[in-house]
PDB file of N, CA and C in Angstrom:
ATOM      1  N   MET A   1      68.504  96.228 114.879  1.00  0.00           N
ATOM      2  CA  MET A   1      70.638  96.901 114.826  1.00  0.00           C
ATOM      3  C   MET A   1      71.848  96.805 115.349  1.00  0.00           C
ATOM      4  N   LYS A   2      71.517  96.624 114.646  1.00  0.00           N
ATOM      5  CA  LYS A   2      72.947  96.767 115.211  1.00  0.00           C
ATOM      6  C   LYS A   2      74.664  97.685 114.432  1.00  0.00           C
ATOM      7  N   ASN A   3      75.008  98.764 115.068  1.00  0.00           N
ATOM      8  CA  ASN A   3      75.757  99.432 114.584  1.00  0.00           C
ATOM      9  C   ASN A   3      76.621  98.900 114.702  1.00  0.00           C
ATOM     10  N   LYS A   4      77.875  99.041 113.312  1.00  0.00           N
ATOM     11  CA  LYS A   4      79.291  98.649 113.993  1.00  0.00           C
ATOM     12  C   LYS A   4      80.080  99.749 115.328  1.00  0.00           C
ATOM     13  N   TYR A   5      79.916 101.043 114.947  1.00  0.00           N
ATOM     14  CA  TYR A   5      80.440 102.551 116.096  1.00  0.00           C
ATOM     15  C   TYR A   5      79.153 102.669 116.449  1.00  0.00           C
ATOM     16  N   PRO A   6      78.981 102.193 118.038  1.00  0.00           N
ATOM     17  CA  PRO A   6      78.228 102.865 119.006  1.00  0.00           C
ATOM     18  C   PRO A   6      78.165 104.597 118.879  1.00  0.00           C
ATOM     19  N   GLN A   7      77.294 105.546 117.811  1.00  0.00           N
ATOM     20  CA  GLN A   7      77.383 106.320 118.218  1.00  0.00           C
ATOM     21  C   GLN A   7      77.975 107.482 119.173  1.00  0.00           C
ATOM     22  N   SER A   8      77.714 107.279 120.446  1.00  0.00           N
ATOM     23  CA  SER A   8      77.929 108.430 121.120  1.00  0.00           C
ATOM     24  C   SER A   8      79.707 108.146 120.938  1.00  0.00           C
ATOM     25  N   ARG A   9      80.691 107.016 120.642  1.00  0.00           N
ATOM     26  CA  ARG A   9      81.869 106.726 120.048  1.00  0.00           C
ATOM     27  C   ARG A   9      82.422 107.386 118.911  1.00  0.00           C
ATOM     28  N   VAL A  10      81.470 107.734 118.482  1.00  0.00           N
ATOM     29  CA  VAL A  10      81.564 108.171 117.338  1.00  0.00           C
ATOM     30  C   VAL A  10      81.378 109.944 117.390  1.00  0.00           C
ATOM     31  N   LYS A  11      79.890 110.100 118.330  1.00  0.00           N
ATOM     32  CA  LYS A  11      80.393 111.794 118.524  1.00  0.00           C
ATOM     33  C   LYS A  11      81.147 111.818 119.500  1.00  0.00           C
ATOM     34  N   LEU A  12      82.304 110.781 120.339  1.00  0.00           N
ATOM     35  CA  LEU A  12      83.659 110.993 121.181  1.00  0.00           C
ATOM     36  C   LEU A  12      84.375 111.840 120.572  1.00  0.00           C
ATOM     37  N   ALA A  13      84.498 110.606 119.488  1.00  0.00           N
ATOM     38  CA  ALA A  13      85.437 110.880 118.414  1.00  0.00           C
ATOM     39  C   ALA A  13      86.005 111.972 117.961  1.00  0.00           C
ATOM     40  N   LEU A  14      84.603 112.064 117.411  1.00  0.00           N
ATOM     41  CA  LEU A  14      84.557 113.326 116.471  1.00  0.00           C
ATOM     42  C   LEU A  14      84.968 115.201 117.875  1.00  0.00           C
ATOM     43  N   TYR A  15      84.615 114.975 118.551  1.00  0.00           N
ATOM     44  CA  TYR A  15      84.660 115.669 119.645  1.00  0.00           C
ATOM     45  C   TYR A  15      85.931 116.358 120.528  1.00  0.00           C
ATOM     46  N   LEU A  16      86.821 114.779 120.343  1.00  0.00           N
ATOM     47  CA  LEU A  16      88.101 114.867 120.588  1.00  0.00           C
ATOM     48  C   LEU A  16      89.245 115.319 119.378  1.00  0.00           C
ATOM     49  N   LEU A  17      88.990 115.157 117.851  1.00  0.00           N
ATOM     50  CA  LEU A  17      89.287 115.916 117.299  1.00  0.00           C
ATOM     51  C   LEU A  17      89.303 116.794 117.201  1.00  0.00           C
ATOM     52  N   LEU A  18      88.054 117.835 117.539  1.00  0.00           N
ATOM     53  CA  LEU A  18      87.589 118.626 117.373  1.00  0.00           C
ATOM     54  C   LEU A  18      88.785 119.850 118.334  1.00  0.00           C
ATOM     55  N   ALA A  19      88.945 119.183 119.610  1.00  0.00           N
ATOM     56  CA  ALA A  19      89.284 119.902 120.622  1.00  0.00           C
ATOM     57  C   ALA A  19      90.655 119.754 120.593  1.00  0.00           C
ATOM     58  N   LEU A  20      91.503 118.644 119.368  1.00  0.00           N
ATOM     59  CA  LEU A  20      92.917 118.126 119.615  1.00  0.00           C
ATOM     60  C   LEU A  20      93.452 119.374 118.066  1.00  0.00           C
ATOM     61  N   VAL A  21      91.915 120.124 117.137  1.00  0.00           N
ATOM     62  CA  VAL A  21      92.419 121.291 116.434  1.00  0.00           C
ATOM     63  C   VAL A  21      92.598 122.324 116.986  1.00  0.00           C
ATOM     64  N   VAL A  22      91.957 123.038 118.199  1.00  0.00           N
ATOM     65  CA  VAL A  22      91.612 123.517 118.617  1.00  0.00           C
ATOM     66  C   VAL A  22      93.103 124.259 119.339  1.00  0.00           C
ATOM     67  N   ILE A  23      93.580 123.336 119.790  1.00  0.00           N
ATOM     68  CA  ILE A  23      94.550 123.081 121.220  1.00  0.00           C
ATOM     69  C   ILE A  23      95.864 123.343 119.785  1.00  0.00           C
ATOM     70  N   ALA A  24      95.784 123.131 118.468  1.00  0.00           N
ATOM     71  CA  ALA A  24      96.867 122.580 117.528  1.00  0.00           C
ATOM     72  C   ALA A  24      96.766 124.137 117.254  1.00  0.00           C
ATOM     73  N   TRP A  25      95.779 124.490 116.989  1.00  0.00           N
ATOM     74  CA  TRP A  25      96.031 126.186 116.545  1.00  0.00           C
ATOM     75  C   TRP A  25      95.842 127.378 117.903  1.00  0.00           C
ATOM     76  N   LEU A  26      95.185 126.604 119.125  1.00  0.00           N
ATOM     77  CA  LEU A  26      95.737 128.084 119.561  1.00  0.00           C
ATOM     78  C   LEU A  26      97.479 127.686 120.325  1.00  0.00           C
ATOM     79  N   VAL A  27      98.244 126.727 120.602  1.00  0.00           N
ATOM     80  CA  VAL A  27      99.716 126.459 120.500  1.00  0.00           C
ATOM     81  C   VAL A  27     100.492 127.505 119.254  1.00  0.00           C
ATOM     82  N   SER A  28      99.245 126.936 118.042  1.00  0.00           N
ATOM     83  CA  SER A  28     101.101 127.918 116.836  1.00  0.00           C
ATOM     84  C   SER A  28      99.962 129.218 116.932  1.00  0.00           C
ATOM     85  N   TYR A  29      98.990 129.999 117.607  1.00  0.00           N
ATOM     86  CA  TYR A  29      99.176 131.245 116.968  1.00  0.00           C
ATOM     87  C   TYR A  29      99.641 131.773 118.526  1.00  0.00           C
ATOM     88  N   PHE A  30      99.431 131.583 119.749  1.00  0.00           N
ATOM     89  CA  PHE A  30     100.313 131.580 120.616  1.00  0.00           C
ATOM     90  C   PHE A  30     102.010 131.581 120.777  1.00  0.00           C
TER      91      PHE A  30
END
């Protein structure tokens, strides 16, 4: 079973993207 992308790396990328969205929202909010 060979995955092209490791599951942990995919999760990390999603968390980073979410953090970026939250930070951008906070910056635009304040």
